[in-house]
C-alpha cells in the first residue's frame, strides 16, 4: 500500500500535515504499520478531507473575496 505523502510536508495548527492530512503520529507509524493500521490511517485521512471540503475558505460569508487595502492612502 503506497504512502499518501504528496511531498508537501507542513503541519497546521492542529498538527495535521497540509499535504497528506495525516497527523505526525500517523506519518511516523506508517512505515512499520501493518496493512490494517494503514487502512485505519487512510480512513482518518478521508474523514479529514471530507471536513476540509466542507470548511469555509478564506472568502467572506457571502463568497466575496476578502477586502484588501490596495489603493488605500496612508
PDB file of N, CA and C in Angstrom:
ATOM      1  N   UNK A   1       0.859  -1.168   0.000  1.00  0.00           N
ATOM      2  CA  UNK A   1       0.000   0.000   0.000  1.00  0.00           C
ATOM      3  C   UNK A   1       0.910   1.237   0.000  1.00  0.00           C
ATOM      4  N   UNK A   2       0.806   2.097  -1.012  1.00  0.00           N
ATOM      5  CA  UNK A   2       1.692   3.256  -1.091  1.00  0.00           C
ATOM      6  C   UNK A   2       1.327   4.338  -0.065  1.00  0.00           C
ATOM      7  N   UNK A   3       2.322   5.080   0.327  1.00  0.00           N
ATOM      8  CA  UNK A   3       2.132   6.180   1.258  1.00  0.00           C
ATOM      9  C   UNK A   3       1.280   7.277   0.614  1.00  0.00           C
ATOM     10  N   UNK A   4       0.413   7.920   1.405  1.00  0.00           N
ATOM     11  CA  UNK A   4      -0.377   9.034   0.873  1.00  0.00           C
ATOM     12  C   UNK A   4       0.410  10.348   0.800  1.00  0.00           C
ATOM     13  N   UNK A   5       1.687  10.320   1.127  1.00  0.00           N
ATOM     14  CA  UNK A   5       2.516  11.524   1.107  1.00  0.00           C
ATOM     15  C   UNK A   5       2.517  12.150  -0.295  1.00  0.00           C
ATOM     16  N   UNK A   6       2.358  13.477  -0.330  1.00  0.00           N
ATOM     17  CA  UNK A   6       2.383  14.209  -1.608  1.00  0.00           C
ATOM     18  C   UNK A   6       3.538  15.212  -1.645  1.00  0.00           C
ATOM     19  N   UNK A   7       4.515  15.021  -0.761  1.00  0.00           N
ATOM     20  CA  UNK A   7       5.719  15.855  -0.714  1.00  0.00           C
ATOM     21  C   UNK A   7       5.415  17.319  -0.382  1.00  0.00           C
ATOM     22  N   UNK A   8       4.326  17.559   0.345  1.00  0.00           N
ATOM     23  CA  UNK A   8       4.006  18.888   0.868  1.00  0.00           C
ATOM     24  C   UNK A   8       3.930  18.696   2.380  1.00  0.00           C
ATOM     25  N   UNK A   9       5.068  18.785   3.018  1.00  0.00           N
ATOM     26  CA  UNK A   9       5.173  18.422   4.429  1.00  0.00           C
ATOM     27  C   UNK A   9       5.195  19.655   5.316  1.00  0.00           C
ATOM     28  N   UNK A  10       4.021  20.068   5.728  1.00  0.00           N
ATOM     29  CA  UNK A  10       3.881  21.220   6.609  1.00  0.00           C
ATOM     30  C   UNK A  10       2.709  20.938   7.534  1.00  0.00           C
ATOM     31  N   UNK A  11       2.936  21.074   8.839  1.00  0.00           N
ATOM     32  CA  UNK A  11       1.869  20.813   9.797  1.00  0.00           C
ATOM     33  C   UNK A  11       1.068  22.077  10.057  1.00  0.00           C
ATOM     34  N   UNK A  12      -0.256  21.912  10.165  1.00  0.00           N
ATOM     35  CA  UNK A  12      -1.108  23.052  10.506  1.00  0.00           C
ATOM     36  C   UNK A  12      -1.146  23.215  12.025  1.00  0.00           C
ATOM     37  N   UNK A  13      -1.958  24.125  12.508  1.00  0.00           N
ATOM     38  CA  UNK A  13      -2.031  24.403  13.942  1.00  0.00           C
ATOM     39  C   UNK A  13      -2.535  23.207  14.739  1.00  0.00           C
ATOM     40  N   UNK A  14      -3.245  22.285  14.086  1.00  0.00           N
ATOM     41  CA  UNK A  14      -3.757  21.095  14.755  1.00  0.00           C
ATOM     42  C   UNK A  14      -2.801  19.911  14.673  1.00  0.00           C
ATOM     43  N   UNK A  15      -1.623  20.101  14.065  1.00  0.00           N
ATOM     44  CA  UNK A  15      -0.653  19.023  13.936  1.00  0.00           C
ATOM     45  C   UNK A  15      -0.963  18.051  12.815  1.00  0.00           C
ATOM     46  N   UNK A  16      -1.713  18.519  11.822  1.00  0.00           N
ATOM     47  CA  UNK A  16      -2.071  17.699  10.672  1.00  0.00           C
ATOM     48  C   UNK A  16      -1.303  18.218   9.461  1.00  0.00           C
ATOM     49  N   UNK A  17      -0.724  17.308   8.692  1.00  0.00           N
ATOM     50  CA  UNK A  17       0.022  17.691   7.500  1.00  0.00           C
ATOM     51  C   UNK A  17      -0.941  18.298   6.481  1.00  0.00           C
ATOM     52  N   UNK A  18      -0.589  19.458   5.952  1.00  0.00           N
ATOM     53  CA  UNK A  18      -1.458  20.120   4.979  1.00  0.00           C
ATOM     54  C   UNK A  18      -1.426  19.420   3.628  1.00  0.00           C
ATOM     55  N   UNK A  19      -0.456  18.561   3.396  1.00  0.00           N
ATOM     56  CA  UNK A  19      -0.364  17.840   2.131  1.00  0.00           C
ATOM     57  C   UNK A  19      -1.167  16.551   2.130  1.00  0.00           C
ATOM     58  N   UNK A  20      -0.862  15.662   3.070  1.00  0.00           N
ATOM     59  CA  UNK A  20      -1.488  14.330   3.061  1.00  0.00           C
ATOM     60  C   UNK A  20      -2.589  14.177   4.099  1.00  0.00           C
ATOM     61  N   UNK A  21      -2.750  15.152   4.979  1.00  0.00           N
ATOM     62  CA  UNK A  21      -3.780  15.167   6.026  1.00  0.00           C
ATOM     63  C   UNK A  21      -3.598  14.081   7.080  1.00  0.00           C
ATOM     64  N   UNK A  22      -2.345  13.640   7.278  1.00  0.00           N
ATOM     65  CA  UNK A  22      -2.064  12.712   8.374  1.00  0.00           C
ATOM     66  C   UNK A  22      -1.501  13.484   9.556  1.00  0.00           C
ATOM     67  N   UNK A  23      -1.718  12.952  10.757  1.00  0.00           N
ATOM     68  CA  UNK A  23      -1.095  13.527  11.945  1.00  0.00           C
ATOM     69  C   UNK A  23       0.369  13.121  11.968  1.00  0.00           C
ATOM     70  N   UNK A  24       1.159  13.794  12.774  1.00  0.00           N
ATOM     71  CA  UNK A  24       2.579  13.456  12.865  1.00  0.00           C
ATOM     72  C   UNK A  24       2.749  12.019  13.351  1.00  0.00           C
ATOM     73  N   UNK A  25       1.880  11.575  14.260  1.00  0.00           N
ATOM     74  CA  UNK A  25       1.940  10.194  14.733  1.00  0.00           C
ATOM     75  C   UNK A  25       1.631   9.193  13.637  1.00  0.00           C
ATOM     76  N   UNK A  26       0.650   9.522  12.797  1.00  0.00           N
ATOM     77  CA  UNK A  26       0.303   8.640  11.689  1.00  0.00           C
ATOM     78  C   UNK A  26       1.425   8.577  10.655  1.00  0.00           C
ATOM     79  N   UNK A  27       2.058   9.720  10.434  1.00  0.00           N
ATOM     80  CA  UNK A  27       3.183   9.757   9.494  1.00  0.00           C
ATOM     81  C   UNK A  27       4.322   8.889  10.023  1.00  0.00           C
ATOM     82  N   UNK A  28       4.634   9.039  11.310  1.00  0.00           N
ATOM     83  CA  UNK A  28       5.731   8.281  11.914  1.00  0.00           C
ATOM     84  C   UNK A  28       5.435   6.779  11.934  1.00  0.00           C
ATOM     85  N   UNK A  29       4.173   6.404  12.132  1.00  0.00           N
ATOM     86  CA  UNK A  29       3.803   4.993  12.234  1.00  0.00           C
ATOM     87  C   UNK A  29       3.710   4.311  10.878  1.00  0.00           C
ATOM     88  N   UNK A  30       3.509   5.076   9.809  1.00  0.00           N
ATOM     89  CA  UNK A  30       3.195   4.494   8.505  1.00  0.00           C
ATOM     90  C   UNK A  30       4.186   3.419   8.060  1.00  0.00           C
ATOM     91  N   UNK A  31       5.470   3.688   8.128  1.00  0.00           N
ATOM     92  CA  UNK A  31       6.483   2.766   7.604  1.00  0.00           C
ATOM     93  C   UNK A  31       6.423   1.373   8.197  1.00  0.00           C
ATOM     94  N   UNK A  32       6.174   1.265   9.490  1.00  0.00           N
ATOM     95  CA  UNK A  32       6.149  -0.046  10.135  1.00  0.00           C
ATOM     96  C   UNK A  32       4.755  -0.558  10.425  1.00  0.00           C
ATOM     97  N   UNK A  33       3.743   0.148   9.951  1.00  0.00           N
ATOM     98  CA  UNK A  33       2.368  -0.229  10.266  1.00  0.00           C
ATOM     99  C   UNK A  33       1.894  -1.389   9.398  1.00  0.00           C
ATOM    100  N   UNK A  34       1.167  -2.328  10.012  1.00  0.00           N
ATOM    101  CA  UNK A  34       0.573  -3.397   9.204  1.00  0.00           C
ATOM    102  C   UNK A  34      -0.544  -2.817   8.327  1.00  0.00           C
ATOM    103  N   UNK A  35      -0.961  -3.588   7.351  1.00  0.00           N
ATOM    104  CA  UNK A  35      -1.961  -3.121   6.388  1.00  0.00           C
ATOM    105  C   UNK A  35      -3.249  -2.642   7.070  1.00  0.00           C
ATOM    106  N   UNK A  36      -3.671  -3.320   8.131  1.00  0.00           N
ATOM    107  CA  UNK A  36      -4.903  -2.917   8.820  1.00  0.00           C
ATOM    108  C   UNK A  36      -4.763  -1.517   9.409  1.00  0.00           C
ATOM    109  N   UNK A  37      -3.613  -1.225  10.007  1.00  0.00           N
ATOM    110  CA  UNK A  37      -3.384   0.112  10.585  1.00  0.00           C
ATOM    111  C   UNK A  37      -3.302   1.150   9.475  1.00  0.00           C
ATOM    112  N   UNK A  38      -2.677   0.821   8.367  1.00  0.00           N
ATOM    113  CA  UNK A  38      -2.600   1.759   7.246  1.00  0.00           C
ATOM    114  C   UNK A  38      -3.996   2.088   6.718  1.00  0.00           C
ATOM    115  N   UNK A  39      -4.860   1.072   6.657  1.00  0.00           N
ATOM    116  CA  UNK A  39      -6.238   1.329   6.228  1.00  0.00           C
ATOM    117  C   UNK A  39      -6.943   2.267   7.199  1.00  0.00           C
ATOM    118  N   UNK A  40      -6.711   2.091   8.504  1.00  0.00           N
ATOM    119  CA  UNK A  40      -7.302   2.985   9.513  1.00  0.00           C
ATOM    120  C   UNK A  40      -6.823   4.418   9.303  1.00  0.00           C
ATOM    121  N   UNK A  41      -5.538   4.574   9.034  1.00  0.00           N
ATOM    122  CA  UNK A  41      -4.973   5.904   8.794  1.00  0.00           C
ATOM    123  C   UNK A  41      -5.614   6.517   7.558  1.00  0.00           C
ATOM    124  N   UNK A  42      -5.743   5.735   6.497  1.00  0.00           N
ATOM    125  CA  UNK A  42      -6.351   6.247   5.267  1.00  0.00           C
ATOM    126  C   UNK A  42      -7.820   6.625   5.483  1.00  0.00           C
ATOM    127  N   UNK A  43      -8.516   5.888   6.343  1.00  0.00           N
ATOM    128  CA  UNK A  43      -9.899   6.243   6.670  1.00  0.00           C
ATOM    129  C   UNK A  43      -9.946   7.560   7.431  1.00  0.00           C
ATOM    130  N   UNK A  44      -9.004   7.760   8.354  1.00  0.00           N
ATOM    131  CA  UNK A  44      -8.937   9.021   9.094  1.00  0.00           C
ATOM    132  C   UNK A  44      -8.641  10.176   8.144  1.00  0.00           C
ATOM    133  N   UNK A  45      -7.750   9.941   7.185  1.00  0.00           N
ATOM    134  CA  UNK A  45      -7.428  10.958   6.179  1.00  0.00           C
ATOM    135  C   UNK A  45      -8.679  11.298   5.371  1.00  0.00           C
ATOM    136  N   UNK A  46      -9.440  10.290   4.982  1.00  0.00           N
ATOM    137  CA  UNK A  46     -10.659  10.521   4.200  1.00  0.00           C
ATOM    138  C   UNK A  46     -11.657  11.349   4.991  1.00  0.00           C
ATOM    139  N   UNK A  47     -11.798  11.075   6.294  1.00  0.00           N
ATOM    140  CA  UNK A  47     -12.702  11.887   7.133  1.00  0.00           C
ATOM    141  C   UNK A  47     -12.224  13.333   7.205  1.00  0.00           C
ATOM    142  N   UNK A  48     -10.916  13.521   7.366  1.00  0.00           N
ATOM    143  CA  UNK A  48     -10.378  14.888   7.421  1.00  0.00           C
ATOM    144  C   UNK A  48     -10.601  15.612   6.098  1.00  0.00           C
ATOM    145  N   UNK A  49     -10.425  14.902   5.002  1.00  0.00           N
ATOM    146  CA  UNK A  49     -10.622  15.509   3.684  1.00  0.00           C
ATOM    147  C   UNK A  49     -12.077  15.941   3.509  1.00  0.00           C
ATOM    148  N   UNK A  50     -13.008  15.123   3.983  1.00  0.00           N
ATOM    149  CA  UNK A  50     -14.432  15.476   3.896  1.00  0.00           C
ATOM    150  C   UNK A  50     -14.710  16.743   4.708  1.00  0.00           C
ATOM    151  N   UNK A  51     -14.148  16.818   5.915  1.00  0.00           N
ATOM    152  CA  UNK A  51     -14.338  18.017   6.732  1.00  0.00           C
ATOM    153  C   UNK A  51     -13.703  19.221   6.061  1.00  0.00           C
ATOM    154  N   UNK A  52     -12.538  19.015   5.471  1.00  0.00           N
ATOM    155  CA  UNK A  52     -11.826  20.106   4.803  1.00  0.00           C
ATOM    156  C   UNK A  52     -12.629  20.592   3.597  1.00  0.00           C
ATOM    157  N   UNK A  53     -13.215  19.695   2.843  1.00  0.00           N
ATOM    158  CA  UNK A  53     -14.001  20.064   1.671  1.00  0.00           C
ATOM    159  C   UNK A  53     -15.232  20.873   2.048  1.00  0.00           C
ATOM    160  N   UNK A  54     -15.698  20.711   3.280  1.00  0.00           N
ATOM    161  CA  UNK A  54     -16.884  21.440   3.727  1.00  0.00           C
ATOM    162  C   UNK A  54     -16.555  22.648   4.587  1.00  0.00           C
ATOM    163  N   UNK A  55     -15.277  22.897   4.801  1.00  0.00           N
ATOM    164  CA  UNK A  55     -14.837  24.027   5.615  1.00  0.00           C
ATOM    165  C   UNK A  55     -14.889  25.293   4.770  1.00  0.00           C
ATOM    166  N   UNK A  56     -15.440  26.383   5.330  1.00  0.00           N
ATOM    167  CA  UNK A  56     -15.435  27.635   4.559  1.00  0.00           C
ATOM    168  C   UNK A  56     -14.008  28.072   4.272  1.00  0.00           C
ATOM    169  N   UNK A  57     -13.800  28.635   3.097  1.00  0.00           N
ATOM    170  CA  UNK A  57     -12.456  29.089   2.776  1.00  0.00           C
ATOM    171  C   UNK A  57     -12.261  30.505   3.301  1.00  0.00           C
ATOM    172  N   UNK A  58     -11.254  31.164   2.793  1.00  0.00           N
ATOM    173  CA  UNK A  58     -10.903  32.481   3.294  1.00  0.00           C
ATOM    174  C   UNK A  58     -11.832  33.574   2.787  1.00  0.00           C
ATOM    175  N   UNK A  59     -12.794  33.231   1.983  1.00  0.00           N
ATOM    176  CA  UNK A  59     -13.727  34.236   1.490  1.00  0.00           C
ATOM    177  C   UNK A  59     -14.727  34.575   2.587  1.00  0.00           C
ATOM    178  N   UNK A  60     -15.385  35.686   2.429  1.00  0.00           N
ATOM    179  CA  UNK A  60     -16.406  36.083   3.396  1.00  0.00           C
ATOM    180  C   UNK A  60     -17.617  35.178   3.313  1.00  0.00           C
ATOM    181  N   UNK A  61     -18.549  35.349   4.232  1.00  0.00           N
ATOM    182  CA  UNK A  61     -19.750  34.528   4.259  1.00  0.00           C
ATOM    183  C   UNK A  61     -20.552  34.642   2.965  1.00  0.00           C
ATOM    184  N   UNK A  62     -20.434  35.778   2.277  1.00  0.00           N
ATOM    185  CA  UNK A  62     -21.182  35.973   1.041  1.00  0.00           C
ATOM    186  C   UNK A  62     -20.443  35.426  -0.178  1.00  0.00           C
ATOM    187  N   UNK A  63     -19.267  34.826   0.032  1.00  0.00           N
ATOM    188  CA  UNK A  63     -18.498  34.256  -1.061  1.00  0.00           C
ATOM    189  C   UNK A  63     -17.584  35.252  -1.739  1.00  0.00           C
ATOM    190  N   UNK A  64     -17.634  36.505  -1.311  1.00  0.00           N
ATOM    191  CA  UNK A  64     -16.793  37.541  -1.929  1.00  0.00           C
ATOM    192  C   UNK A  64     -15.360  37.413  -1.424  1.00  0.00           C
ATOM    193  N   UNK A  65     -14.433  37.892  -2.218  1.00  0.00           N
ATOM    194  CA  UNK A  65     -13.050  37.904  -1.794  1.00  0.00           C
ATOM    195  C   UNK A  65     -12.913  38.796  -0.570  1.00  0.00           C
ATOM    196  N   UNK A  66     -11.964  38.468   0.327  1.00  0.00           N
ATOM    197  CA  UNK A  66     -11.750  39.324   1.500  1.00  0.00           C
ATOM    198  C   UNK A  66     -11.306  40.715   1.087  1.00  0.00           C
ATOM    199  N   UNK A  67     -11.672  41.723   1.866  1.00  0.00           N
ATOM    200  CA  UNK A  67     -11.271  43.089   1.494  1.00  0.00           C
ATOM    201  C   UNK A  67      -9.775  43.270   1.546  1.00  0.00           C
ATOM    202  N   UNK A  68      -9.283  44.162   0.732  1.00  0.00           N
ATOM    203  CA  UNK A  68      -7.873  44.499   0.733  1.00  0.00           C
ATOM    204  C   UNK A  68      -7.736  45.981   0.972  1.00  0.00           C
ATOM    205  N   UNK A  69      -6.518  46.410   1.225  1.00  0.00           N
ATOM    206  CA  UNK A  69      -6.275  47.840   1.395  1.00  0.00           C
ATOM    207  C   UNK A  69      -5.549  48.401   0.176  1.00  0.00           C
ATOM    208  N   UNK A  70      -5.622  47.693  -0.948  1.00  0.00           N
ATOM    209  CA  UNK A  70      -4.961  48.169  -2.163  1.00  0.00           C
ATOM    210  C   UNK A  70      -5.513  49.542  -2.538  1.00  0.00           C
ATOM    211  N   UNK A  71      -4.638  50.451  -2.782  1.00  0.00           N
ATOM    212  CA  UNK A  71      -5.055  51.793  -3.182  1.00  0.00           C
ATOM    213  C   UNK A  71      -5.395  52.684  -1.997  1.00  0.00           C
ATOM    214  N   UNK A  72      -5.282  52.150  -0.780  1.00  0.00           N
ATOM    215  CA  UNK A  72      -5.577  52.993   0.392  1.00  0.00           C
ATOM    216  C   UNK A  72      -4.472  54.025   0.553  1.00  0.00           C
ATOM    217  N   UNK A  73      -4.876  55.192   0.951  1.00  0.00           N
ATOM    218  CA  UNK A  73      -3.897  56.263   1.174  1.00  0.00           C
ATOM    219  C   UNK A  73      -3.506  56.280   2.639  1.00  0.00           C
ATOM    220  N   UNK A  74      -2.229  56.463   2.878  1.00  0.00           N
ATOM    221  CA  UNK A  74      -1.736  56.489   4.257  1.00  0.00           C
ATOM    222  C   UNK A  74      -1.166  57.820   4.594  1.00  0.00           C
TER     223      UNK A  74
END
